[in-house]
Amino acid sequence: LWSTLLGKPVIGELVGSGLKLEFLPIVTTRWGDWKSRHPDT
């Protein structure tokens, strides 16, 4: 089981493994704004 906020295992086999998912940048916005910035989206 993994924490979705931390990106790391919190219960189970992988706890203590040092594994941690890498965050990616994301933006919460409006479709019109996103489409204007990224017309090829």
PDB file of all heavy atoms in Angstrom:
ATOM      1  N   LEU A   1       0.846  -1.181   0.000  1.00  0.00           N
ATOM      2  CA  LEU A   1       0.000   0.000   0.000  1.00  0.00           C
ATOM      3  C   LEU A   1       0.887   1.239   0.000  1.00  0.00           C
ATOM      4  O   LEU A   1       1.870   1.321   0.744  1.00  0.00           O
ATOM      5  CB  LEU A   1      -0.916   0.004   1.223  1.00  0.00           C
ATOM      6  CG  LEU A   1      -1.996  -1.079   1.258  1.00  0.00           C
ATOM      7  CD1 LEU A   1      -2.717  -1.074   2.602  1.00  0.00           C
ATOM      8  CD2 LEU A   1      -3.008  -0.880   0.125  1.00  0.00           C
ATOM      9  N   TRP A   2       0.507   2.226  -0.833  1.00  0.00           N
ATOM     10  CA  TRP A   2       1.303   3.444  -1.005  1.00  0.00           C
ATOM     11  C   TRP A   2       0.473   4.660  -0.613  1.00  0.00           C
ATOM     12  O   TRP A   2      -0.726   4.739  -0.896  1.00  0.00           O
ATOM     13  CB  TRP A   2       1.732   3.609  -2.458  1.00  0.00           C
ATOM     14  CG  TRP A   2       2.652   2.563  -3.003  1.00  0.00           C
ATOM     15  CD1 TRP A   2       2.392   1.223  -3.142  1.00  0.00           C
ATOM     16  CD2 TRP A   2       3.978   2.758  -3.507  1.00  0.00           C
ATOM     17  NE1 TRP A   2       3.472   0.577  -3.698  1.00  0.00           N
ATOM     18  CE2 TRP A   2       4.455   1.494  -3.942  1.00  0.00           C
ATOM     19  CE3 TRP A   2       4.791   3.881  -3.649  1.00  0.00           C
ATOM     20  CZ2 TRP A   2       5.720   1.336  -4.499  1.00  0.00           C
ATOM     21  CZ3 TRP A   2       6.057   3.731  -4.202  1.00  0.00           C
ATOM     22  CH2 TRP A   2       6.518   2.464  -4.617  1.00  0.00           C
ATOM     23  N   SER A   3       1.139   5.641  -0.006  1.00  0.00           N
ATOM     24  CA  SER A   3       0.521   6.946   0.228  1.00  0.00           C
ATOM     25  C   SER A   3       0.468   7.699  -1.088  1.00  0.00           C
ATOM     26  O   SER A   3       1.489   7.851  -1.772  1.00  0.00           O
ATOM     27  CB  SER A   3       1.337   7.744   1.242  1.00  0.00           C
ATOM     28  OG  SER A   3       0.985   9.112   1.203  1.00  0.00           O
ATOM     29  N   THR A   4      -0.714   8.181  -1.448  1.00  0.00           N
ATOM     30  CA  THR A   4      -0.822   8.950  -2.692  1.00  0.00           C
ATOM     31  C   THR A   4      -0.248  10.347  -2.532  1.00  0.00           C
ATOM     32  O   THR A   4       0.103  10.987  -3.522  1.00  0.00           O
ATOM     33  CB  THR A   4      -2.281   9.042  -3.151  1.00  0.00           C
ATOM     34  OG1 THR A   4      -3.065   9.640  -2.118  1.00  0.00           O
ATOM     35  CG2 THR A   4      -2.847   7.686  -3.476  1.00  0.00           C
ATOM     36  N   LEU A   5      -0.168  10.862  -1.304  1.00  0.00           N
ATOM     37  CA  LEU A   5       0.393  12.190  -1.086  1.00  0.00           C
ATOM     38  C   LEU A   5       1.918  12.179  -1.052  1.00  0.00           C
ATOM     39  O   LEU A   5       2.560  13.135  -1.487  1.00  0.00           O
ATOM     40  CB  LEU A   5      -0.128  12.774   0.235  1.00  0.00           C
ATOM     41  CG  LEU A   5      -1.578  13.239   0.240  1.00  0.00           C
ATOM     42  CD1 LEU A   5      -1.983  13.707   1.633  1.00  0.00           C
ATOM     43  CD2 LEU A   5      -1.797  14.365  -0.761  1.00  0.00           C
ATOM     44  N   LEU A   6       2.495  11.084  -0.566  1.00  0.00           N
ATOM     45  CA  LEU A   6       3.947  11.006  -0.446  1.00  0.00           C
ATOM     46  C   LEU A   6       4.598  10.237  -1.584  1.00  0.00           C
ATOM     47  O   LEU A   6       5.794  10.364  -1.817  1.00  0.00           O
ATOM     48  CB  LEU A   6       4.335  10.345   0.875  1.00  0.00           C
ATOM     49  CG  LEU A   6       3.952  11.089   2.152  1.00  0.00           C
ATOM     50  CD1 LEU A   6       4.308  10.244   3.373  1.00  0.00           C
ATOM     51  CD2 LEU A   6       4.646  12.432   2.218  1.00  0.00           C
ATOM     52  N   GLY A   7       3.824   9.380  -2.257  1.00  0.00           N
ATOM     53  CA  GLY A   7       4.405   8.567  -3.316  1.00  0.00           C
ATOM     54  C   GLY A   7       5.371   7.536  -2.785  1.00  0.00           C
ATOM     55  O   GLY A   7       6.358   7.188  -3.447  1.00  0.00           O
ATOM     56  N   LYS A   8       5.101   6.985  -1.598  1.00  0.00           N
ATOM     57  CA  LYS A   8       5.998   5.990  -1.022  1.00  0.00           C
ATOM     58  C   LYS A   8       5.177   4.899  -0.355  1.00  0.00           C
ATOM     59  O   LYS A   8       4.046   5.144   0.099  1.00  0.00           O
ATOM     60  CB  LYS A   8       6.958   6.633  -0.023  1.00  0.00           C
ATOM     61  CG  LYS A   8       6.286   7.312   1.134  1.00  0.00           C
ATOM     62  CD  LYS A   8       7.257   8.145   1.969  1.00  0.00           C
ATOM     63  CE  LYS A   8       8.315   7.314   2.631  1.00  0.00           C
ATOM     64  NZ  LYS A   8       9.170   8.116   3.550  1.00  0.00           N
ATOM     65  N   PRO A   9       5.709   3.678  -0.277  1.00  0.00           N
ATOM     66  CA  PRO A   9       4.982   2.578   0.354  1.00  0.00           C
ATOM     67  C   PRO A   9       4.902   2.791   1.861  1.00  0.00           C
ATOM     68  O   PRO A   9       5.889   3.160   2.504  1.00  0.00           O
ATOM     69  CB  PRO A   9       5.810   1.345   0.005  1.00  0.00           C
ATOM     70  CG  PRO A   9       7.178   1.868  -0.301  1.00  0.00           C
ATOM     71  CD  PRO A   9       7.006   3.238  -0.844  1.00  0.00           C
ATOM     72  N   VAL A  10       3.708   2.524   2.427  1.00  0.00           N
ATOM     73  CA  VAL A  10       3.510   2.727   3.864  1.00  0.00           C
ATOM     74  C   VAL A  10       3.115   1.447   4.592  1.00  0.00           C
ATOM     75  O   VAL A  10       3.214   1.382   5.813  1.00  0.00           O
ATOM     76  CB  VAL A  10       2.456   3.825   4.127  1.00  0.00           C
ATOM     77  CG1 VAL A  10       2.985   5.190   3.712  1.00  0.00           C
ATOM     78  CG2 VAL A  10       1.136   3.512   3.425  1.00  0.00           C
ATOM     79  N   ILE A  11       2.653   0.427   3.875  1.00  0.00           N
ATOM     80  CA  ILE A  11       2.353  -0.875   4.473  1.00  0.00           C
ATOM     81  C   ILE A  11       2.755  -1.957   3.473  1.00  0.00           C
ATOM     82  O   ILE A  11       2.420  -1.862   2.293  1.00  0.00           O
ATOM     83  CB  ILE A  11       0.853  -1.039   4.809  1.00  0.00           C
ATOM     84  CG1 ILE A  11       0.401   0.002   5.827  1.00  0.00           C
ATOM     85  CG2 ILE A  11       0.563  -2.445   5.349  1.00  0.00           C
ATOM     86  CD1 ILE A  11      -1.095  -0.049   6.129  1.00  0.00           C
ATOM     87  N   GLY A  12       3.467  -2.965   3.961  1.00  0.00           N
ATOM     88  CA  GLY A  12       3.744  -4.109   3.090  1.00  0.00           C
ATOM     89  C   GLY A  12       5.212  -4.353   2.811  1.00  0.00           C
ATOM     90  O   GLY A  12       6.115  -3.822   3.470  1.00  0.00           O
ATOM     91  N   GLU A  13       5.431  -5.159   1.810  1.00  0.00           N
ATOM     92  CA  GLU A  13       6.757  -5.668   1.468  1.00  0.00           C
ATOM     93  C   GLU A  13       7.777  -4.575   1.183  1.00  0.00           C
ATOM     94  O   GLU A  13       8.965  -4.704   1.501  1.00  0.00           O
ATOM     95  CB  GLU A  13       6.619  -6.582   0.238  1.00  0.00           C
ATOM     96  CG  GLU A  13       7.902  -7.085  -0.365  1.00  0.00           C
ATOM     97  CD  GLU A  13       7.654  -7.828  -1.667  1.00  0.00           C
ATOM     98  OE1 GLU A  13       6.644  -8.555  -1.757  1.00  0.00           O
ATOM     99  OE2 GLU A  13       8.472  -7.692  -2.592  1.00  0.00           O
ATOM    100  N   LEU A  14       7.326  -3.468   0.571  1.00  0.00           N
ATOM    101  CA  LEU A  14       8.271  -2.449   0.112  1.00  0.00           C
ATOM    102  C   LEU A  14       8.607  -1.399   1.164  1.00  0.00           C
ATOM    103  O   LEU A  14       9.439  -0.524   0.915  1.00  0.00           O
ATOM    104  CB  LEU A  14       7.718  -1.760  -1.145  1.00  0.00           C
ATOM    105  CG  LEU A  14       7.544  -2.655  -2.373  1.00  0.00           C
ATOM    106  CD1 LEU A  14       7.019  -1.847  -3.548  1.00  0.00           C
ATOM    107  CD2 LEU A  14       8.858  -3.340  -2.738  1.00  0.00           C
ATOM    108  N   VAL A  15       7.957  -1.455   2.326  1.00  0.00           N
ATOM    109  CA  VAL A  15       8.272  -0.490   3.382  1.00  0.00           C
ATOM    110  C   VAL A  15       9.735  -0.644   3.790  1.00  0.00           C
ATOM    111  O   VAL A  15      10.211  -1.752   4.033  1.00  0.00           O
ATOM    112  CB  VAL A  15       7.348  -0.696   4.599  1.00  0.00           C
ATOM    113  CG1 VAL A  15       7.834   0.140   5.784  1.00  0.00           C
ATOM    114  CG2 VAL A  15       5.924  -0.324   4.249  1.00  0.00           C
ATOM    115  N   GLY A  16      10.450   0.454   3.832  1.00  0.00           N
ATOM    116  CA  GLY A  16      11.864   0.417   4.178  1.00  0.00           C
ATOM    117  C   GLY A  16      12.781   0.167   3.002  1.00  0.00           C
ATOM    118  O   GLY A  16      14.001   0.133   3.168  1.00  0.00           O
ATOM    119  N   SER A  17      12.209   0.034   1.805  1.00  0.00           N
ATOM    120  CA  SER A  17      13.018  -0.238   0.605  1.00  0.00           C
ATOM    121  C   SER A  17      13.709   1.009   0.079  1.00  0.00           C
ATOM    122  O   SER A  17      14.628   0.912  -0.743  1.00  0.00           O
ATOM    123  CB  SER A  17      12.132  -0.820  -0.499  1.00  0.00           C
ATOM    124  OG  SER A  17      11.162   0.145  -0.928  1.00  0.00           O
ATOM    125  N   GLY A  18      13.267   2.170   0.530  1.00  0.00           N
ATOM    126  CA  GLY A  18      13.811   3.419   0.008  1.00  0.00           C
ATOM    127  C   GLY A  18      13.172   3.864  -1.284  1.00  0.00           C
ATOM    128  O   GLY A  18      13.519   4.927  -1.827  1.00  0.00           O
ATOM    129  N   LEU A  19      12.219   3.087  -1.788  1.00  0.00           N
ATOM    130  CA  LEU A  19      11.556   3.460  -3.028  1.00  0.00           C
ATOM    131  C   LEU A  19      10.645   4.666  -2.811  1.00  0.00           C
ATOM    132  O   LEU A  19       9.943   4.767  -1.801  1.00  0.00           O
ATOM    133  CB  LEU A  19      10.730   2.299  -3.571  1.00  0.00           C
ATOM    134  CG  LEU A  19      11.512   1.076  -4.058  1.00  0.00           C
ATOM    135  CD1 LEU A  19      10.552  -0.004  -4.551  1.00  0.00           C
ATOM    136  CD2 LEU A  19      12.480   1.466  -5.171  1.00  0.00           C
ATOM    137  N   LYS A  20      10.652   5.564  -3.759  1.00  0.00           N
ATOM    138  CA  LYS A  20       9.802   6.749  -3.710  1.00  0.00           C
ATOM    139  C   LYS A  20       9.519   7.197  -5.136  1.00  0.00           C
ATOM    140  O   LYS A  20      10.435   7.351  -5.953  1.00  0.00           O
ATOM    141  CB  LYS A  20      10.482   7.869  -2.935  1.00  0.00           C
ATOM    142  CG  LYS A  20       9.731   9.194  -2.937  1.00  0.00           C
ATOM    143  CD  LYS A  20      10.512  10.256  -2.180  1.00  0.00           C
ATOM    144  CE  LYS A  20       9.904  11.627  -2.380  1.00  0.00           C
ATOM    145  NZ  LYS A  20       9.940  12.068  -3.792  1.00  0.00           N
ATOM    146  N   LEU A  21       8.251   7.368  -5.443  1.00  0.00           N
ATOM    147  CA  LEU A  21       7.869   7.802  -6.782  1.00  0.00           C
ATOM    148  C   LEU A  21       8.275   9.259  -7.008  1.00  0.00           C
ATOM    149  O   LEU A  21       8.232  10.079  -6.082  1.00  0.00           O
ATOM    150  CB  LEU A  21       6.364   7.666  -6.973  1.00  0.00           C
ATOM    151  CG  LEU A  21       5.799   6.242  -6.890  1.00  0.00           C
ATOM    152  CD1 LEU A  21       4.280   6.281  -6.884  1.00  0.00           C
ATOM    153  CD2 LEU A  21       6.303   5.398  -8.048  1.00  0.00           C
ATOM    154  N   GLU A  22       8.639   9.579  -8.229  1.00  0.00           N
ATOM    155  CA  GLU A  22       9.039  10.941  -8.568  1.00  0.00           C
ATOM    156  C   GLU A  22       7.819  11.760  -8.981  1.00  0.00           C
ATOM    157  O   GLU A  22       7.087  11.393  -9.891  1.00  0.00           O
ATOM    158  CB  GLU A  22      10.063  10.922  -9.704  1.00  0.00           C
ATOM    159  CG  GLU A  22      10.571  12.303 -10.084  1.00  0.00           C
ATOM    160  CD  GLU A  22      11.558  12.270 -11.241  1.00  0.00           C
ATOM    161  OE1 GLU A  22      12.010  11.164 -11.599  1.00  0.00           O
ATOM    162  OE2 GLU A  22      11.870  13.352 -11.781  1.00  0.00           O
ATOM    163  N   PHE A  23       7.629  12.894  -8.286  1.00  0.00           N
ATOM    164  CA  PHE A  23       6.543  13.803  -8.624  1.00  0.00           C
ATOM    165  C   PHE A  23       6.768  14.425 -10.000  1.00  0.00           C
ATOM    166  O   PHE A  23       7.906  14.668 -10.414  1.00  0.00           O
ATOM    167  CB  PHE A  23       6.471  14.955  -7.615  1.00  0.00           C
ATOM    168  CG  PHE A  23       6.039  14.585  -6.236  1.00  0.00           C
ATOM    169  CD1 PHE A  23       6.969  14.362  -5.239  1.00  0.00           C
ATOM    170  CD2 PHE A  23       4.696  14.496  -5.915  1.00  0.00           C
ATOM    171  CE1 PHE A  23       6.586  14.039  -3.950  1.00  0.00           C
ATOM    172  CE2 PHE A  23       4.295  14.173  -4.629  1.00  0.00           C
ATOM    173  CZ  PHE A  23       5.235  13.944  -3.649  1.00  0.00           C
ATOM    174  N   LEU A  24       5.690  14.734 -10.675  1.00  0.00           N
ATOM    175  CA  LEU A  24       5.732  15.510 -11.907  1.00  0.00           C
ATOM    176  C   LEU A  24       4.893  16.772 -11.718  1.00  0.00           C
ATOM    177  O   LEU A  24       3.875  16.753 -11.017  1.00  0.00           O
ATOM    178  CB  LEU A  24       5.171  14.701 -13.083  1.00  0.00           C
ATOM    179  CG  LEU A  24       6.029  13.527 -13.551  1.00  0.00           C
ATOM    180  CD1 LEU A  24       5.203  12.577 -14.409  1.00  0.00           C
ATOM    181  CD2 LEU A  24       7.231  14.032 -14.331  1.00  0.00           C
ATOM    182  N   PRO A  25       5.280  17.893 -12.322  1.00  0.00           N
ATOM    183  CA  PRO A  25       4.484  19.113 -12.183  1.00  0.00           C
ATOM    184  C   PRO A  25       3.125  18.966 -12.884  1.00  0.00           C
ATOM    185  O   PRO A  25       3.024  18.375 -13.957  1.00  0.00           O
ATOM    186  CB  PRO A  25       5.332  20.184 -12.866  1.00  0.00           C
ATOM    187  CG  PRO A  25       6.715  19.615 -12.933  1.00  0.00           C
ATOM    188  CD  PRO A  25       6.531  18.136 -13.067  1.00  0.00           C
ATOM    189  N   ILE A  26       2.101  19.502 -12.247  1.00  0.00           N
ATOM    190  CA  ILE A  26       0.754  19.493 -12.806  1.00  0.00           C
ATOM    191  C   ILE A  26       0.108  20.830 -12.478  1.00  0.00           C
ATOM    192  O   ILE A  26       0.548  21.538 -11.562  1.00  0.00           O
ATOM    193  CB  ILE A  26      -0.074  18.326 -12.222  1.00  0.00           C
ATOM    194  CG1 ILE A  26      -1.335  18.078 -13.053  1.00  0.00           C
ATOM    195  CG2 ILE A  26      -0.406  18.555 -10.753  1.00  0.00           C
ATOM    196  CD1 ILE A  26      -2.066  16.800 -12.693  1.00  0.00           C
ATOM    197  N   VAL A  27      -0.903  21.192 -13.219  1.00  0.00           N
ATOM    198  CA  VAL A  27      -1.604  22.441 -12.952  1.00  0.00           C
ATOM    199  C   VAL A  27      -3.106  22.188 -12.995  1.00  0.00           C
ATOM    200  O   VAL A  27      -3.604  21.452 -13.858  1.00  0.00           O
ATOM    201  CB  VAL A  27      -1.196  23.542 -13.957  1.00  0.00           C
ATOM    202  CG1 VAL A  27      -1.632  23.194 -15.366  1.00  0.00           C
ATOM    203  CG2 VAL A  27      -1.749  24.889 -13.540  1.00  0.00           C
ATOM    204  N   THR A  28      -3.815  22.749 -12.020  1.00  0.00           N
ATOM    205  CA  THR A  28      -5.276  22.721 -12.025  1.00  0.00           C
ATOM    206  C   THR A  28      -5.742  24.032 -12.624  1.00  0.00           C
ATOM    207  O   THR A  28      -5.425  25.110 -12.100  1.00  0.00           O
ATOM    208  CB  THR A  28      -5.830  22.565 -10.594  1.00  0.00           C
ATOM    209  OG1 THR A  28      -5.340  21.341 -10.036  1.00  0.00           O
ATOM    210  CG2 THR A  28      -7.348  22.533 -10.607  1.00  0.00           C
ATOM    211  N   THR A  29      -6.482  23.965 -13.715  1.00  0.00           N
ATOM    212  CA  THR A  29      -6.847  25.173 -14.439  1.00  0.00           C
ATOM    213  C   THR A  29      -8.170  24.972 -15.164  1.00  0.00           C
ATOM    214  O   THR A  29      -8.884  24.003 -14.913  1.00  0.00           O
ATOM    215  CB  THR A  29      -5.711  25.562 -15.415  1.00  0.00           C
ATOM    216  OG1 THR A  29      -6.013  26.827 -16.017  1.00  0.00           O
ATOM    217  CG2 THR A  29      -5.502  24.509 -16.489  1.00  0.00           C
ATOM    218  N   ARG A  30      -8.477  25.890 -16.053  1.00  0.00           N
ATOM    219  CA  ARG A  30      -9.691  25.804 -16.873  1.00  0.00           C
ATOM    220  C   ARG A  30      -9.312  25.379 -18.288  1.00  0.00           C
ATOM    221  O   ARG A  30      -8.232  25.711 -18.785  1.00  0.00           O
ATOM    222  CB  ARG A  30     -10.429  27.147 -16.903  1.00  0.00           C
ATOM    223  CG  ARG A  30     -10.797  27.684 -15.517  1.00  0.00           C
ATOM    224  CD  ARG A  30     -11.927  26.907 -14.907  1.00  0.00           C
ATOM    225  NE  ARG A  30     -12.221  27.346 -13.535  1.00  0.00           N
ATOM    226  CZ  ARG A  30     -13.237  26.906 -12.804  1.00  0.00           C
ATOM    227  NH1 ARG A  30     -14.046  25.987 -13.316  1.00  0.00           N
ATOM    228  NH2 ARG A  30     -13.441  27.336 -11.575  1.00  0.00           N
ATOM    229  N   TRP A  31     -10.210  24.670 -18.920  1.00  0.00           N
ATOM    230  CA  TRP A  31      -9.939  24.149 -20.249  1.00  0.00           C
ATOM    231  C   TRP A  31      -9.559  25.269 -21.218  1.00  0.00           C
ATOM    232  O   TRP A  31      -8.617  25.130 -22.003  1.00  0.00           O
ATOM    233  CB  TRP A  31     -11.143  23.379 -20.756  1.00  0.00           C
ATOM    234  CG  TRP A  31     -11.104  22.994 -22.208  1.00  0.00           C
ATOM    235  CD1 TRP A  31     -11.994  23.347 -23.174  1.00  0.00           C
ATOM    236  CD2 TRP A  31     -10.133  22.161 -22.863  1.00  0.00           C
ATOM    237  NE1 TRP A  31     -11.658  22.791 -24.383  1.00  0.00           N
ATOM    238  CE2 TRP A  31     -10.511  22.051 -24.219  1.00  0.00           C
ATOM    239  CE3 TRP A  31      -8.996  21.498 -22.432  1.00  0.00           C
ATOM    240  CZ2 TRP A  31      -9.784  21.317 -25.150  1.00  0.00           C
ATOM    241  CZ3 TRP A  31      -8.260  20.766 -23.364  1.00  0.00           C
ATOM    242  CH2 TRP A  31      -8.658  20.674 -24.692  1.00  0.00           C
ATOM    243  N   GLY A  32     -10.256  26.399 -21.162  1.00  0.00           N
ATOM    244  CA  GLY A  32      -9.957  27.494 -22.077  1.00  0.00           C
ATOM    245  C   GLY A  32      -8.535  28.001 -21.910  1.00  0.00           C
ATOM    246  O   GLY A  32      -7.836  28.278 -22.895  1.00  0.00           O
ATOM    247  N   ASP A  33      -8.090  28.126 -20.664  1.00  0.00           N
ATOM    248  CA  ASP A  33      -6.736  28.603 -20.388  1.00  0.00           C
ATOM    249  C   ASP A  33      -5.701  27.589 -20.860  1.00  0.00           C
ATOM    250  O   ASP A  33      -4.705  27.943 -21.496  1.00  0.00           O
ATOM    251  CB  ASP A  33      -6.592  28.860 -18.886  1.00  0.00           C
ATOM    252  CG  ASP A  33      -5.219  29.382 -18.504  1.00  0.00           C
ATOM    253  OD1 ASP A  33      -4.852  30.478 -18.972  1.00  0.00           O
ATOM    254  OD2 ASP A  33      -4.507  28.691 -17.740  1.00  0.00           O
ATOM    255  N   TRP A  34      -5.932  26.308 -20.570  1.00  0.00           N
ATOM    256  CA  TRP A  34      -4.978  25.268 -20.969  1.00  0.00           C
ATOM    257  C   TRP A  34      -4.902  25.151 -22.485  1.00  0.00           C
ATOM    258  O   TRP A  34      -3.805  25.060 -23.053  1.00  0.00           O
ATOM    259  CB  TRP A  34      -5.381  23.934 -20.349  1.00  0.00           C
ATOM    260  CG  TRP A  34      -4.461  22.803 -20.709  1.00  0.00           C
ATOM    261  CD1 TRP A  34      -4.674  21.827 -21.644  1.00  0.00           C
ATOM    262  CD2 TRP A  34      -3.168  22.545 -20.138  1.00  0.00           C
ATOM    263  NE1 TRP A  34      -3.594  20.970 -21.687  1.00  0.00           N
ATOM    264  CE2 TRP A  34      -2.663  21.388 -20.776  1.00  0.00           C
ATOM    265  CE3 TRP A  34      -2.404  23.170 -19.155  1.00  0.00           C
ATOM    266  CZ2 TRP A  34      -1.413  20.848 -20.458  1.00  0.00           C
ATOM    267  CZ3 TRP A  34      -1.161  22.626 -18.833  1.00  0.00           C
ATOM    268  CH2 TRP A  34      -0.675  21.484 -19.490  1.00  0.00           C
ATOM    269  N   LYS A  35      -6.044  25.182 -23.140  1.00  0.00           N
ATOM    270  CA  LYS A  35      -6.080  25.053 -24.602  1.00  0.00           C
ATOM    271  C   LYS A  35      -5.399  26.239 -25.270  1.00  0.00           C
ATOM    272  O   LYS A  35      -4.724  26.083 -26.308  1.00  0.00           O
ATOM    273  CB  LYS A  35      -7.539  24.950 -25.048  1.00  0.00           C
ATOM    274  CG  LYS A  35      -7.745  24.770 -26.536  1.00  0.00           C
ATOM    275  CD  LYS A  35      -9.218  24.561 -26.854  1.00  0.00           C
ATOM    276  CE  LYS A  35     -10.061  25.719 -26.352  1.00  0.00           C
ATOM    277  NZ  LYS A  35     -11.478  25.601 -26.780  1.00  0.00           N
ATOM    278  N   SER A  36      -5.551  27.431 -24.691  1.00  0.00           N
ATOM    279  CA  SER A  36      -4.903  28.618 -25.249  1.00  0.00           C
ATOM    280  C   SER A  36      -3.387  28.520 -25.154  1.00  0.00           C
ATOM    281  O   SER A  36      -2.670  28.893 -26.088  1.00  0.00           O
ATOM    282  CB  SER A  36      -5.391  29.866 -24.506  1.00  0.00           C
ATOM    283  OG  SER A  36      -4.695  31.016 -24.926  1.00  0.00           O
ATOM    284  N   ARG A  37      -2.906  28.004 -24.030  1.00  0.00           N
ATOM    285  CA  ARG A  37      -1.466  27.866 -23.847  1.00  0.00           C
ATOM    286  C   ARG A  37      -0.891  26.706 -24.650  1.00  0.00           C
ATOM    287  O   ARG A  37       0.287  26.718 -25.027  1.00  0.00           O
ATOM    288  CB  ARG A  37      -1.149  27.648 -22.370  1.00  0.00           C
ATOM    289  CG  ARG A  37      -1.307  28.886 -21.504  1.00  0.00           C
ATOM    290  CD  ARG A  37      -1.164  28.569 -20.022  1.00  0.00           C
ATOM    291  NE  ARG A  37      -1.119  29.783 -19.235  1.00  0.00           N
ATOM    292  CZ  ARG A  37      -0.009  30.421 -18.868  1.00  0.00           C
ATOM    293  NH1 ARG A  37       1.157  29.914 -19.228  1.00  0.00           N
ATOM    294  NH2 ARG A  37      -0.047  31.528 -18.155  1.00  0.00           N
ATOM    295  N   HIS A  38      -1.704  25.682 -24.862  1.00  0.00           N
ATOM    296  CA  HIS A  38      -1.245  24.469 -25.545  1.00  0.00           C
ATOM    297  C   HIS A  38      -2.241  24.104 -26.661  1.00  0.00           C
ATOM    298  O   HIS A  38      -3.024  23.164 -26.519  1.00  0.00           O
ATOM    299  CB  HIS A  38      -1.118  23.316 -24.546  1.00  0.00           C
ATOM    300  CG  HIS A  38      -0.191  23.605 -23.405  1.00  0.00           C
ATOM    301  ND1 HIS A  38       1.177  23.501 -23.519  1.00  0.00           N
ATOM    302  CD2 HIS A  38      -0.436  24.008 -22.129  1.00  0.00           C
ATOM    303  CE1 HIS A  38       1.741  23.819 -22.357  1.00  0.00           C
ATOM    304  NE2 HIS A  38       0.780  24.132 -21.505  1.00  0.00           N
ATOM    305  N   PRO A  39      -2.228  24.833 -27.753  1.00  0.00           N
ATOM    306  CA  PRO A  39      -3.204  24.560 -28.822  1.00  0.00           C
ATOM    307  C   PRO A  39      -3.096  23.155 -29.409  1.00  0.00           C
ATOM    308  O   PRO A  39      -4.053  22.650 -29.999  1.00  0.00           O
ATOM    309  CB  PRO A  39      -2.879  25.630 -29.880  1.00  0.00           C
ATOM    310  CG  PRO A  39      -1.505  26.115 -29.541  1.00  0.00           C
ATOM    311  CD  PRO A  39      -1.349  25.965 -28.072  1.00  0.00           C
ATOM    312  N   ASP A  40      -1.927  22.521 -29.230  1.00  0.00           N
ATOM    313  CA  ASP A  40      -1.750  21.159 -29.752  1.00  0.00           C
ATOM    314  C   ASP A  40      -2.068  20.097 -28.689  1.00  0.00           C
ATOM    315  O   ASP A  40      -1.772  18.913 -28.876  1.00  0.00           O
ATOM    316  CB  ASP A  40      -0.326  20.954 -30.256  1.00  0.00           C
ATOM    317  CG  ASP A  40       0.720  21.212 -29.178  1.00  0.00           C
ATOM    318  OD1 ASP A  40       0.366  21.788 -28.119  1.00  0.00           O
ATOM    319  OD2 ASP A  40       1.907  20.849 -29.379  1.00  0.00           O
ATOM    320  N   THR A  41      -2.666  20.509 -27.580  1.00  0.00           N
ATOM    321  CA  THR A  41      -2.957  19.565 -26.505  1.00  0.00           C
ATOM    322  C   THR A  41      -3.968  18.516 -26.929  1.00  0.00           C
ATOM    323  O   THR A  41      -4.788  18.732 -27.835  1.00  0.00           O
ATOM    324  CB  THR A  41      -3.490  20.300 -25.265  1.00  0.00           C
ATOM    325  OG1 THR A  41      -3.587  19.383 -24.167  1.00  0.00           O
ATOM    326  CG2 THR A  41      -4.891  20.865 -25.520  1.00  0.00           C
TER     327      THR A  41
END
